[in-house]
C-alpha atoms as a PDB file:
ATOM      1  CA  UNK A   1     183.976 260.093 -99.525  1.00  0.00           C
ATOM      2  CA  UNK A   2     186.017 257.902 -97.193  1.00  0.00           C
ATOM      3  CA  UNK A   3     188.205 255.287 -98.878  1.00  0.00           C
ATOM      4  CA  UNK A   4     188.538 252.159 -96.779  1.00  0.00           C
ATOM      5  CA  UNK A   5     191.082 249.422 -97.314  1.00  0.00           C
ATOM      6  CA  UNK A   6     190.149 245.767 -97.629  1.00  0.00           C
ATOM      7  CA  UNK A   7     191.345 243.454 -94.873  1.00  0.00           C
ATOM      8  CA  UNK A   8     193.012 240.354 -96.296  1.00  0.00           C
ATOM      9  CA  UNK A   9     193.894 237.261 -94.308  1.00  0.00           C
ATOM     10  CA  UNK A  10     197.235 235.621 -95.088  1.00  0.00           C
ATOM     11  CA  UNK A  11     196.677 231.890 -94.912  1.00  0.00           C
ATOM     12  CA  UNK A  12     200.254 230.661 -95.328  1.00  0.00           C
ATOM     13  CA  UNK A  13     201.969 231.394 -91.994  1.00  0.00           C
ATOM     14  CA  UNK A  14     205.293 230.180 -93.373  1.00  0.00           C
ATOM     15  CA  UNK A  15     205.527 233.246 -95.596  1.00  0.00           C
ATOM     16  CA  UNK A  16     206.269 235.104 -92.374  1.00  0.00           C
ATOM     17  CA  UNK A  17     207.885 232.327 -90.314  1.00  0.00           C
ATOM     18  CA  UNK A  18     209.449 229.659 -92.587  1.00  0.00           C
ATOM     19  CA  UNK A  19     210.523 227.460 -89.669  1.00  0.00           C
ATOM     20  CA  UNK A  20     208.789 226.880 -86.322  1.00  0.00           C
ATOM     21  CA  UNK A  21     211.865 226.474 -84.120  1.00  0.00           C
ATOM     22  CA  UNK A  22     214.185 228.849 -85.949  1.00  0.00           C
ATOM     23  CA  UNK A  23     211.731 231.617 -86.809  1.00  0.00           C
ATOM     24  CA  UNK A  24     208.408 231.471 -84.964  1.00  0.00           C
ATOM     25  CA  UNK A  25     209.575 230.465 -81.476  1.00  0.00           C
ATOM     26  CA  UNK A  26     212.270 233.207 -81.264  1.00  0.00           C
ATOM     27  CA  UNK A  27     209.724 235.732 -82.558  1.00  0.00           C
ATOM     28  CA  UNK A  28     207.116 234.679 -79.987  1.00  0.00           C
ATOM     29  CA  UNK A  29     209.720 234.786 -77.202  1.00  0.00           C
ATOM     30  CA  UNK A  30     210.235 238.524 -77.729  1.00  0.00           C
ATOM     31  CA  UNK A  31     208.534 240.572 -75.004  1.00  0.00           C
ATOM     32  CA  UNK A  32     206.087 242.519 -77.188  1.00  0.00           C
ATOM     33  CA  UNK A  33     205.029 239.439 -79.152  1.00  0.00           C
ATOM     34  CA  UNK A  34     204.563 237.225 -76.106  1.00  0.00           C
ATOM     35  CA  UNK A  35     202.475 240.039 -74.631  1.00  0.00           C
ATOM     36  CA  UNK A  36     200.006 239.631 -77.523  1.00  0.00           C
ATOM     37  CA  UNK A  37     199.540 235.953 -76.684  1.00  0.00           C
ATOM     38  CA  UNK A  38     199.412 236.616 -72.944  1.00  0.00           C
ATOM     39  CA  UNK A  39     196.736 239.261 -73.441  1.00  0.00           C
ATOM     40  CA  UNK A  40     194.663 236.875 -75.580  1.00  0.00           C
ATOM     41  CA  UNK A  41     194.614 234.163 -72.903  1.00  0.00           C
ATOM     42  CA  UNK A  42     194.224 236.655 -70.030  1.00  0.00           C
ATOM     43  CA  UNK A  43     197.465 235.822 -68.258  1.00  0.00           C
ATOM     44  CA  UNK A  44     200.808 237.482 -67.728  1.00  0.00           C
ATOM     45  CA  UNK A  45     203.745 235.312 -68.701  1.00  0.00           C
ATOM     46  CA  UNK A  46     207.487 235.525 -68.106  1.00  0.00           C
ATOM     47  CA  UNK A  47     209.729 233.267 -70.189  1.00  0.00           C
ATOM     48  CA  UNK A  48     212.058 230.904 -68.328  1.00  0.00           C
ATOM     49  CA  UNK A  49     213.544 229.068 -71.297  1.00  0.00           C
ATOM     50  CA  UNK A  50     213.039 228.363 -75.007  1.00  0.00           C
ATOM     51  CA  UNK A  51     213.563 224.884 -76.456  1.00  0.00           C
ATOM     52  CA  UNK A  52     213.482 223.586 -72.887  1.00  0.00           C
ATOM     53  CA  UNK A  53     214.499 219.949 -72.413  1.00  0.00           C
ATOM     54  CA  UNK A  54     211.902 217.308 -71.519  1.00  0.00           C
ATOM     55  CA  UNK A  55     213.750 213.979 -71.619  1.00  0.00           C
ATOM     56  CA  UNK A  56     214.830 213.441 -75.222  1.00  0.00           C
ATOM     57  CA  UNK A  57     212.529 216.210 -76.483  1.00  0.00           C
ATOM     58  CA  UNK A  58     212.228 219.993 -76.198  1.00  0.00           C
ATOM     59  CA  UNK A  59     209.176 222.101 -75.439  1.00  0.00           C
ATOM     60  CA  UNK A  60     209.113 225.314 -77.474  1.00  0.00           C
ATOM     61  CA  UNK A  61     208.667 227.724 -74.546  1.00  0.00           C
ATOM     62  CA  UNK A  62     208.781 227.057 -70.797  1.00  0.00           C
ATOM     63  CA  UNK A  63     207.474 230.000 -68.779  1.00  0.00           C
ATOM     64  CA  UNK A  64     205.966 231.183 -65.503  1.00  0.00           C
ATOM     65  CA  UNK A  65     202.820 233.090 -64.711  1.00  0.00           C
ATOM     66  CA  UNK A  66     204.149 236.413 -63.476  1.00  0.00           C
ATOM     67  CA  UNK A  67     203.685 236.868 -59.750  1.00  0.00           C
ATOM     68  CA  UNK A  68     202.899 233.213 -59.020  1.00  0.00           C
ATOM     69  CA  UNK A  69     204.797 229.931 -59.040  1.00  0.00           C
ATOM     70  CA  UNK A  70     202.520 228.441 -61.716  1.00  0.00           C
ATOM     71  CA  UNK A  71     204.526 227.024 -64.614  1.00  0.00           C
ATOM     72  CA  UNK A  72     203.371 227.058 -68.215  1.00  0.00           C
ATOM     73  CA  UNK A  73     204.396 225.466 -71.478  1.00  0.00           C
ATOM     74  CA  UNK A  74     203.745 226.864 -74.941  1.00  0.00           C
ATOM     75  CA  UNK A  75     203.865 224.487 -77.898  1.00  0.00           C
ATOM     76  CA  UNK A  76     203.800 225.999 -81.388  1.00  0.00           C
ATOM     77  CA  UNK A  77     202.511 224.467 -84.601  1.00  0.00           C
ATOM     78  CA  UNK A  78     202.430 226.403 -87.884  1.00  0.00           C
ATOM     79  CA  UNK A  79     200.087 223.801 -89.356  1.00  0.00           C
ATOM     80  CA  UNK A  80     196.716 222.321 -88.445  1.00  0.00           C
ATOM     81  CA  UNK A  81     196.538 220.444 -85.151  1.00  0.00           C
ATOM     82  CA  UNK A  82     197.431 216.760 -85.197  1.00  0.00           C
ATOM     83  CA  UNK A  83     197.581 213.795 -82.816  1.00  0.00           C
ATOM     84  CA  UNK A  84     201.385 213.907 -82.671  1.00  0.00           C
ATOM     85  CA  UNK A  85     201.473 217.427 -81.234  1.00  0.00           C
ATOM     86  CA  UNK A  86     198.602 216.684 -78.855  1.00  0.00           C
ATOM     87  CA  UNK A  87     200.575 213.749 -77.454  1.00  0.00           C
ATOM     88  CA  UNK A  88     203.697 215.901 -77.156  1.00  0.00           C
ATOM     89  CA  UNK A  89     201.706 218.589 -75.386  1.00  0.00           C
ATOM     90  CA  UNK A  90     200.556 216.206 -72.666  1.00  0.00           C
ATOM     91  CA  UNK A  91     204.043 214.671 -72.374  1.00  0.00           C
ATOM     92  CA  UNK A  92     205.655 218.098 -71.980  1.00  0.00           C
ATOM     93  CA  UNK A  93     203.036 219.228 -69.475  1.00  0.00           C
ATOM     94  CA  UNK A  94     203.718 216.137 -67.385  1.00  0.00           C
ATOM     95  CA  UNK A  95     207.485 216.430 -67.663  1.00  0.00           C
ATOM     96  CA  UNK A  96     207.481 220.098 -66.643  1.00  0.00           C
ATOM     97  CA  UNK A  97     204.681 219.784 -64.024  1.00  0.00           C
ATOM     98  CA  UNK A  98     202.930 222.598 -65.876  1.00  0.00           C
ATOM     99  CA  UNK A  99     199.740 224.205 -64.577  1.00  0.00           C
ATOM    100  CA  UNK A 100     199.086 226.195 -67.761  1.00  0.00           C
ATOM    101  CA  UNK A 101     199.292 224.606 -71.203  1.00  0.00           C
ATOM    102  CA  UNK A 102     199.039 226.734 -74.353  1.00  0.00           C
ATOM    103  CA  UNK A 103     198.897 225.158 -77.818  1.00  0.00           C
ATOM    104  CA  UNK A 104     199.421 227.742 -80.569  1.00  0.00           C
ATOM    105  CA  UNK A 105     198.385 226.501 -84.030  1.00  0.00           C
ATOM    106  CA  UNK A 106     197.463 227.542 -87.558  1.00  0.00           C
ATOM    107  CA  UNK A 107     194.040 225.868 -87.394  1.00  0.00           C
ATOM    108  CA  UNK A 108     192.369 223.787 -84.705  1.00  0.00           C
ATOM    109  CA  UNK A 109     190.675 220.654 -86.008  1.00  0.00           C
ATOM    110  CA  UNK A 110     187.344 219.821 -84.378  1.00  0.00           C
ATOM    111  CA  UNK A 111     188.586 216.595 -82.785  1.00  0.00           C
ATOM    112  CA  UNK A 112     191.446 218.435 -81.099  1.00  0.00           C
ATOM    113  CA  UNK A 113     189.201 221.256 -79.921  1.00  0.00           C
ATOM    114  CA  UNK A 114     187.053 218.549 -78.341  1.00  0.00           C
ATOM    115  CA  UNK A 115     190.147 216.966 -76.760  1.00  0.00           C
ATOM    116  CA  UNK A 116     191.258 220.255 -75.150  1.00  0.00           C
ATOM    117  CA  UNK A 117     187.710 220.884 -73.929  1.00  0.00           C
ATOM    118  CA  UNK A 118     187.662 217.382 -72.407  1.00  0.00           C
ATOM    119  CA  UNK A 119     191.004 217.983 -70.675  1.00  0.00           C
ATOM    120  CA  UNK A 120     189.731 221.242 -69.158  1.00  0.00           C
ATOM    121  CA  UNK A 121     186.614 219.487 -67.900  1.00  0.00           C
ATOM    122  CA  UNK A 122     188.376 216.439 -66.459  1.00  0.00           C
ATOM    123  CA  UNK A 123     191.518 217.823 -64.832  1.00  0.00           C
ATOM    124  CA  UNK A 124     192.131 219.651 -61.577  1.00  0.00           C
ATOM    125  CA  UNK A 125     190.645 223.157 -61.438  1.00  0.00           C
ATOM    126  CA  UNK A 126     194.159 224.602 -61.128  1.00  0.00           C
ATOM    127  CA  UNK A 127     195.156 223.175 -64.530  1.00  0.00           C
ATOM    128  CA  UNK A 128     194.345 225.256 -67.602  1.00  0.00           C
ATOM    129  CA  UNK A 129     194.542 224.231 -71.266  1.00  0.00           C
ATOM    130  CA  UNK A 130     194.347 226.825 -74.044  1.00  0.00           C
ATOM    131  CA  UNK A 131     194.064 226.207 -77.782  1.00  0.00           C
ATOM    132  CA  UNK A 132     194.969 229.334 -79.755  1.00  0.00           C
ATOM    133  CA  UNK A 133     194.907 229.994 -83.494  1.00  0.00           C
ATOM    134  CA  UNK A 134     197.353 232.396 -85.190  1.00  0.00           C
ATOM    135  CA  UNK A 135     195.817 234.813 -87.697  1.00  0.00           C
ATOM    136  CA  UNK A 136     197.706 237.111 -90.055  1.00  0.00           C
ATOM    137  CA  UNK A 137     196.063 240.122 -91.697  1.00  0.00           C
ATOM    138  CA  UNK A 138     197.099 242.850 -94.108  1.00  0.00           C
ATOM    139  CA  UNK A 139     195.472 245.904 -95.682  1.00  0.00           C
ATOM    140  CA  UNK A 140     196.917 246.560 -99.129  1.00  0.00           C
ATOM    141  CA  UNK A 141     200.693 246.743 -98.809  1.00  0.00           C
ATOM    142  CA  UNK A 142     200.644 247.573 -95.082  1.00  0.00           C
ATOM    143  CA  UNK A 143     202.724 245.735 -92.513  1.00  0.00           C
ATOM    144  CA  UNK A 144     201.342 242.316 -91.686  1.00  0.00           C
ATOM    145  CA  UNK A 145     199.478 242.199 -88.355  1.00  0.00           C
ATOM    146  CA  UNK A 146     199.186 239.134 -86.145  1.00  0.00           C
ATOM    147  CA  UNK A 147     196.223 238.193 -83.973  1.00  0.00           C
ATOM    148  CA  UNK A 148     195.867 235.317 -81.528  1.00  0.00           C
ATOM    149  CA  UNK A 149     192.345 233.900 -81.299  1.00  0.00           C
ATOM    150  CA  UNK A 150     191.522 231.617 -78.362  1.00  0.00           C
ATOM    151  CA  UNK A 151     189.289 228.781 -79.549  1.00  0.00           C
ATOM    152  CA  UNK A 152     189.320 226.652 -76.379  1.00  0.00           C
ATOM    153  CA  UNK A 153     189.957 227.698 -72.777  1.00  0.00           C
ATOM    154  CA  UNK A 154     188.967 226.667 -69.233  1.00  0.00           C
ATOM    155  CA  UNK A 155     185.279 227.138 -68.558  1.00  0.00           C
ATOM    156  CA  UNK A 156     183.849 229.600 -66.056  1.00  0.00           C
ATOM    157  CA  UNK A 157     187.035 230.995 -64.525  1.00  0.00           C
ATOM    158  CA  UNK A 158     185.126 233.961 -63.188  1.00  0.00           C
ATOM    159  CA  UNK A 159     182.393 231.710 -61.823  1.00  0.00           C
ATOM    160  CA  UNK A 160     185.035 229.571 -60.103  1.00  0.00           C
ATOM    161  CA  UNK A 161     186.532 232.625 -58.421  1.00  0.00           C
ATOM    162  CA  UNK A 162     183.067 233.694 -57.289  1.00  0.00           C
ATOM    163  CA  UNK A 163     182.545 230.225 -55.800  1.00  0.00           C
ATOM    164  CA  UNK A 164     185.745 230.522 -53.786  1.00  0.00           C
ATOM    165  CA  UNK A 165     184.907 234.025 -52.557  1.00  0.00           C
ATOM    166  CA  UNK A 166     181.302 233.347 -51.585  1.00  0.00           C
ATOM    167  CA  UNK A 167     182.149 232.452 -47.989  1.00  0.00           C
ATOM    168  CA  UNK A 168     184.646 235.244 -47.393  1.00  0.00           C
ATOM    169  CA  UNK A 169     183.733 238.954 -47.506  1.00  0.00           C
ATOM    170  CA  UNK A 170     187.413 239.985 -47.561  1.00  0.00           C
ATOM    171  CA  UNK A 171     188.187 237.754 -50.565  1.00  0.00           C
ATOM    172  CA  UNK A 172     185.110 239.073 -52.335  1.00  0.00           C
ATOM    173  CA  UNK A 173     186.170 242.661 -51.588  1.00  0.00           C
ATOM    174  CA  UNK A 174     189.665 242.100 -52.963  1.00  0.00           C
ATOM    175  CA  UNK A 175     188.277 240.496 -56.101  1.00  0.00           C
ATOM    176  CA  UNK A 176     185.758 243.285 -56.710  1.00  0.00           C
ATOM    177  CA  UNK A 177     188.488 245.911 -56.333  1.00  0.00           C
ATOM    178  CA  UNK A 178     190.696 244.246 -58.948  1.00  0.00           C
ATOM    179  CA  UNK A 179     187.792 243.818 -61.361  1.00  0.00           C
ATOM    180  CA  UNK A 180     187.005 247.533 -61.060  1.00  0.00           C
ATOM    181  CA  UNK A 181     190.687 248.431 -61.449  1.00  0.00           C
ATOM    182  CA  UNK A 182     191.001 246.366 -64.627  1.00  0.00           C
ATOM    183  CA  UNK A 183     187.849 247.887 -66.117  1.00  0.00           C
ATOM    184  CA  UNK A 184     189.111 251.408 -65.395  1.00  0.00           C
ATOM    185  CA  UNK A 185     192.849 251.119 -66.056  1.00  0.00           C
ATOM    186  CA  UNK A 186     192.716 249.147 -69.281  1.00  0.00           C
ATOM    187  CA  UNK A 187     190.217 251.509 -70.880  1.00  0.00           C
ATOM    188  CA  UNK A 188     193.160 253.945 -70.831  1.00  0.00           C
ATOM    189  CA  UNK A 189     195.217 253.460 -74.005  1.00  0.00           C
ATOM    190  CA  UNK A 190     198.460 254.633 -72.422  1.00  0.00           C
ATOM    191  CA  UNK A 191     198.226 252.153 -69.563  1.00  0.00           C
ATOM    192  CA  UNK A 192     196.988 249.334 -71.811  1.00  0.00           C
ATOM    193  CA  UNK A 193     199.998 249.805 -74.108  1.00  0.00           C
ATOM    194  CA  UNK A 194     202.454 249.710 -71.209  1.00  0.00           C
ATOM    195  CA  UNK A 195     201.032 246.701 -69.341  1.00  0.00           C
ATOM    196  CA  UNK A 196     199.223 243.450 -70.060  1.00  0.00           C
ATOM    197  CA  UNK A 197     195.892 242.937 -68.358  1.00  0.00           C
ATOM    198  CA  UNK A 198     196.003 240.500 -65.455  1.00  0.00           C
ATOM    199  CA  UNK A 199     193.125 238.280 -64.428  1.00  0.00           C
ATOM    200  CA  UNK A 200     191.370 239.577 -61.315  1.00  0.00           C
ATOM    201  CA  UNK A 201     191.953 237.329 -58.304  1.00  0.00           C
ATOM    202  CA  UNK A 202     191.271 237.124 -54.595  1.00  0.00           C
ATOM    203  CA  UNK A 203     194.910 237.893 -53.757  1.00  0.00           C
ATOM    204  CA  UNK A 204     195.776 241.163 -52.019  1.00  0.00           C
ATOM    205  CA  UNK A 205     198.322 241.844 -54.774  1.00  0.00           C
ATOM    206  CA  UNK A 206     198.329 242.208 -58.547  1.00  0.00           C
ATOM    207  CA  UNK A 207     201.594 242.095 -60.494  1.00  0.00           C
ATOM    208  CA  UNK A 208     202.539 243.790 -63.764  1.00  0.00           C
ATOM    209  CA  UNK A 209     205.330 242.556 -66.025  1.00  0.00           C
ATOM    210  CA  UNK A 210     208.217 244.877 -66.856  1.00  0.00           C
ATOM    211  CA  UNK A 211     209.987 242.523 -69.255  1.00  0.00           C
ATOM    212  CA  UNK A 212     212.416 241.063 -66.741  1.00  0.00           C
ATOM    213  CA  UNK A 213     212.518 237.671 -65.052  1.00  0.00           C
ATOM    214  CA  UNK A 214     213.768 239.154 -61.755  1.00  0.00           C
ATOM    215  CA  UNK A 215     211.691 242.352 -61.545  1.00  0.00           C
ATOM    216  CA  UNK A 216     208.014 243.222 -61.599  1.00  0.00           C
ATOM    217  CA  UNK A 217     205.680 245.949 -60.452  1.00  0.00           C
ATOM    218  CA  UNK A 218     203.369 244.840 -57.663  1.00  0.00           C
ATOM    219  CA  UNK A 219     200.191 246.631 -56.570  1.00  0.00           C
ATOM    220  CA  UNK A 220     199.055 245.719 -53.053  1.00  0.00           C
ATOM    221  CA  UNK A 221     195.830 246.252 -51.144  1.00  0.00           C
ATOM    222  CA  UNK A 222     196.914 246.717 -47.511  1.00  0.00           C
ATOM    223  CA  UNK A 223     193.458 246.860 -46.009  1.00  0.00           C
ATOM    224  CA  UNK A 224     194.484 246.743 -42.351  1.00  0.00           C
ATOM    225  CA  UNK A 225     196.405 250.010 -42.844  1.00  0.00           C
ATOM    226  CA  UNK A 226     193.998 251.532 -45.415  1.00  0.00           C
ATOM    227  CA  UNK A 227     196.837 251.861 -47.895  1.00  0.00           C
ATOM    228  CA  UNK A 228     197.652 251.067 -51.502  1.00  0.00           C
ATOM    229  CA  UNK A 229     201.274 250.137 -52.154  1.00  0.00           C
ATOM    230  CA  UNK A 230     202.948 250.213 -55.565  1.00  0.00           C
ATOM    231  CA  UNK A 231     206.382 248.664 -55.578  1.00  0.00           C
ATOM    232  CA  UNK A 232     209.237 247.676 -57.855  1.00  0.00           C
ATOM    233  CA  UNK A 233     209.845 244.123 -56.641  1.00  0.00           C
ATOM    234  CA  UNK A 234     213.184 242.360 -57.218  1.00  0.00           C
ATOM    235  CA  UNK A 235     212.837 238.657 -56.509  1.00  0.00           C
ATOM    236  CA  UNK A 236     216.465 237.525 -56.207  1.00  0.00           C
ATOM    237  CA  UNK A 237     219.177 239.977 -57.263  1.00  0.00           C
ATOM    238  CA  UNK A 238     220.824 242.061 -54.549  1.00  0.00           C
ATOM    239  CA  UNK A 239     223.349 243.462 -57.012  1.00  0.00           C
ATOM    240  CA  UNK A 240     220.547 244.845 -59.154  1.00  0.00           C
ATOM    241  CA  UNK A 241     218.982 246.477 -56.104  1.00  0.00           C
ATOM    242  CA  UNK A 242     222.323 248.121 -55.293  1.00  0.00           C
ATOM    243  CA  UNK A 243     222.603 249.292 -58.895  1.00  0.00           C
ATOM    244  CA  UNK A 244     219.179 250.933 -58.686  1.00  0.00           C
ATOM    245  CA  UNK A 245     220.034 252.411 -55.288  1.00  0.00           C
ATOM    246  CA  UNK A 246     223.176 254.019 -56.718  1.00  0.00           C
ATOM    247  CA  UNK A 247     220.825 255.988 -58.990  1.00  0.00           C
ATOM    248  CA  UNK A 248     218.339 256.779 -56.201  1.00  0.00           C
ATOM    249  CA  UNK A 249     218.555 260.558 -56.663  1.00  0.00           C
ATOM    250  CA  UNK A 250     218.032 260.416 -60.435  1.00  0.00           C
ATOM    251  CA  UNK A 251     215.196 257.894 -60.170  1.00  0.00           C
ATOM    252  CA  UNK A 252     213.260 259.831 -57.534  1.00  0.00           C
ATOM    253  CA  UNK A 253     213.846 263.116 -59.353  1.00  0.00           C
ATOM    254  CA  UNK A 254     212.537 261.729 -62.639  1.00  0.00           C
ATOM    255  CA  UNK A 255     209.517 260.114 -60.980  1.00  0.00           C
ATOM    256  CA  UNK A 256     208.847 263.228 -58.899  1.00  0.00           C
ATOM    257  CA  UNK A 257     208.328 261.266 -55.704  1.00  0.00           C
ATOM    258  CA  UNK A 258     210.255 259.896 -52.743  1.00  0.00           C
ATOM    259  CA  UNK A 259     210.482 256.120 -52.576  1.00  0.00           C
ATOM    260  CA  UNK A 260     210.981 253.678 -49.706  1.00  0.00           C
ATOM    261  CA  UNK A 261     214.021 251.471 -50.447  1.00  0.00           C
ATOM    262  CA  UNK A 262     213.957 248.148 -48.616  1.00  0.00           C
ATOM    263  CA  UNK A 263     216.714 245.564 -48.916  1.00  0.00           C
ATOM    264  CA  UNK A 264     215.225 242.677 -46.965  1.00  0.00           C
ATOM    265  CA  UNK A 265     218.118 241.282 -44.854  1.00  0.00           C
ATOM    266  CA  UNK A 266     216.736 237.794 -44.262  1.00  0.00           C
ATOM    267  CA  UNK A 267     215.296 237.284 -47.743  1.00  0.00           C
ATOM    268  CA  UNK A 268     216.521 237.242 -51.315  1.00  0.00           C
ATOM    269  CA  UNK A 269     213.931 239.796 -52.390  1.00  0.00           C
ATOM    270  CA  UNK A 270     214.179 243.598 -52.361  1.00  0.00           C
ATOM    271  CA  UNK A 271     211.415 246.209 -52.567  1.00  0.00           C
ATOM    272  CA  UNK A 272     211.291 249.816 -53.749  1.00  0.00           C
ATOM    273  CA  UNK A 273     207.876 251.199 -52.923  1.00  0.00           C
ATOM    274  CA  UNK A 274     205.525 254.076 -52.291  1.00  0.00           C
ATOM    275  CA  UNK A 275     202.230 254.118 -50.365  1.00  0.00           C
ATOM    276  CA  UNK A 276     198.978 256.031 -50.726  1.00  0.00           C
ATOM    277  CA  UNK A 277     195.938 256.315 -48.415  1.00  0.00           C
ATOM    278  CA  UNK A 278     192.988 254.232 -49.620  1.00  0.00           C
ATOM    279  CA  UNK A 279     189.399 254.023 -48.409  1.00  0.00           C
ATOM    280  CA  UNK A 280     188.525 250.604 -49.794  1.00  0.00           C
ATOM    281  CA  UNK A 281     184.982 250.722 -48.443  1.00  0.00           C
ATOM    282  CA  UNK A 282     184.059 253.899 -50.336  1.00  0.00           C
ATOM    283  CA  UNK A 283     183.738 252.994 -53.999  1.00  0.00           C
ATOM    284  CA  UNK A 284     183.349 256.670 -54.914  1.00  0.00           C
ATOM    285  CA  UNK A 285     187.055 257.111 -54.115  1.00  0.00           C
ATOM    286  CA  UNK A 286     188.245 254.156 -56.173  1.00  0.00           C
ATOM    287  CA  UNK A 287     188.853 256.044 -59.425  1.00  0.00           C
ATOM    288  CA  UNK A 288     191.158 258.451 -57.583  1.00  0.00           C
ATOM    289  CA  UNK A 289     193.073 255.476 -56.181  1.00  0.00           C
ATOM    290  CA  UNK A 290     193.240 253.892 -59.624  1.00  0.00           C
ATOM    291  CA  UNK A 291     194.564 257.112 -61.174  1.00  0.00           C
ATOM    292  CA  UNK A 292     197.336 257.223 -58.556  1.00  0.00           C
ATOM    293  CA  UNK A 293     198.251 253.562 -59.123  1.00  0.00           C
ATOM    294  CA  UNK A 294     198.406 254.029 -62.895  1.00  0.00           C
ATOM    295  CA  UNK A 295     200.514 257.184 -62.619  1.00  0.00           C
ATOM    296  CA  UNK A 296     203.061 255.564 -60.297  1.00  0.00           C
ATOM    297  CA  UNK A 297     203.232 252.298 -62.280  1.00  0.00           C
ATOM    298  CA  UNK A 298     203.804 254.096 -65.584  1.00  0.00           C
ATOM    299  CA  UNK A 299     206.514 256.353 -64.125  1.00  0.00           C
ATOM    300  CA  UNK A 300     208.121 253.414 -62.343  1.00  0.00           C
ATOM    301  CA  UNK A 301     208.343 251.259 -65.458  1.00  0.00           C
ATOM    302  CA  UNK A 302     209.669 254.099 -67.631  1.00  0.00           C
ATOM    303  CA  UNK A 303     212.289 255.179 -65.096  1.00  0.00           C
ATOM    304  CA  UNK A 304     213.579 251.881 -63.707  1.00  0.00           C
ATOM    305  CA  UNK A 305     213.914 250.211 -67.109  1.00  0.00           C
ATOM    306  CA  UNK A 306     216.667 252.686 -67.954  1.00  0.00           C
ATOM    307  CA  UNK A 307     218.868 251.044 -65.324  1.00  0.00           C
ATOM    308  CA  UNK A 308     218.087 247.365 -66.003  1.00  0.00           C
END
């Protein structure tokens, strides 16, 4: 006979985080914990600043969507939603020119769910509001587990992407490739543990967070050359590139592959990359391409993080 434990929800969030600013915000700002929230809303987020100034006030977390210039704010509330926090949320979003607004709460009241839904329906399509509830669970005396449940989000993101791609075969092809990659790669537990799932887009690139504000892994569809490129991208830190380059032999030996090291002379960015042939038109070859991408990305993250 199998003995199963009983799942118990812990209603009082302050048993875990007594204070929002002193306990919950620092906890959420940690890479692994922010990844839980990012995965729930379907984005990849890199923190810019906690308790970020907006006039005489501070927003809990000011962040960026990894790989884009879209800014986001995260406002935390360890109680039920209220009008005060809703007003702050809009004030902070305006003050920070945020494109993505995430309100993390204990419980969303119906009137505030309706307000977030209204904002999503009556703002520019590039603006996204999320209302997310925090849930805590425990089985017996096990460690407490946290879960973020999205209760309001922008409507029909996928449909909107389809609308934009309808007149362009190349945009549609890029989008379909990323959808297939996500379906394949994130069914693999090892890859899903190492990286957060990114929303498929019409871009020729998809970025993966490595827990650094200046580095990321970028996967690129180079269709004109029939190539896939996986690269360690450094946005603005030449010294860090030189540090990595000083360990070139060890890095390439550990990864088991030769990399192309590119310090871009006229730009702040640097790239460390490897390419692979790709027949984008033949979907039967996609899984092989995906396997190669996953293998390189996993090795790259494991190896390069040692020298960060």
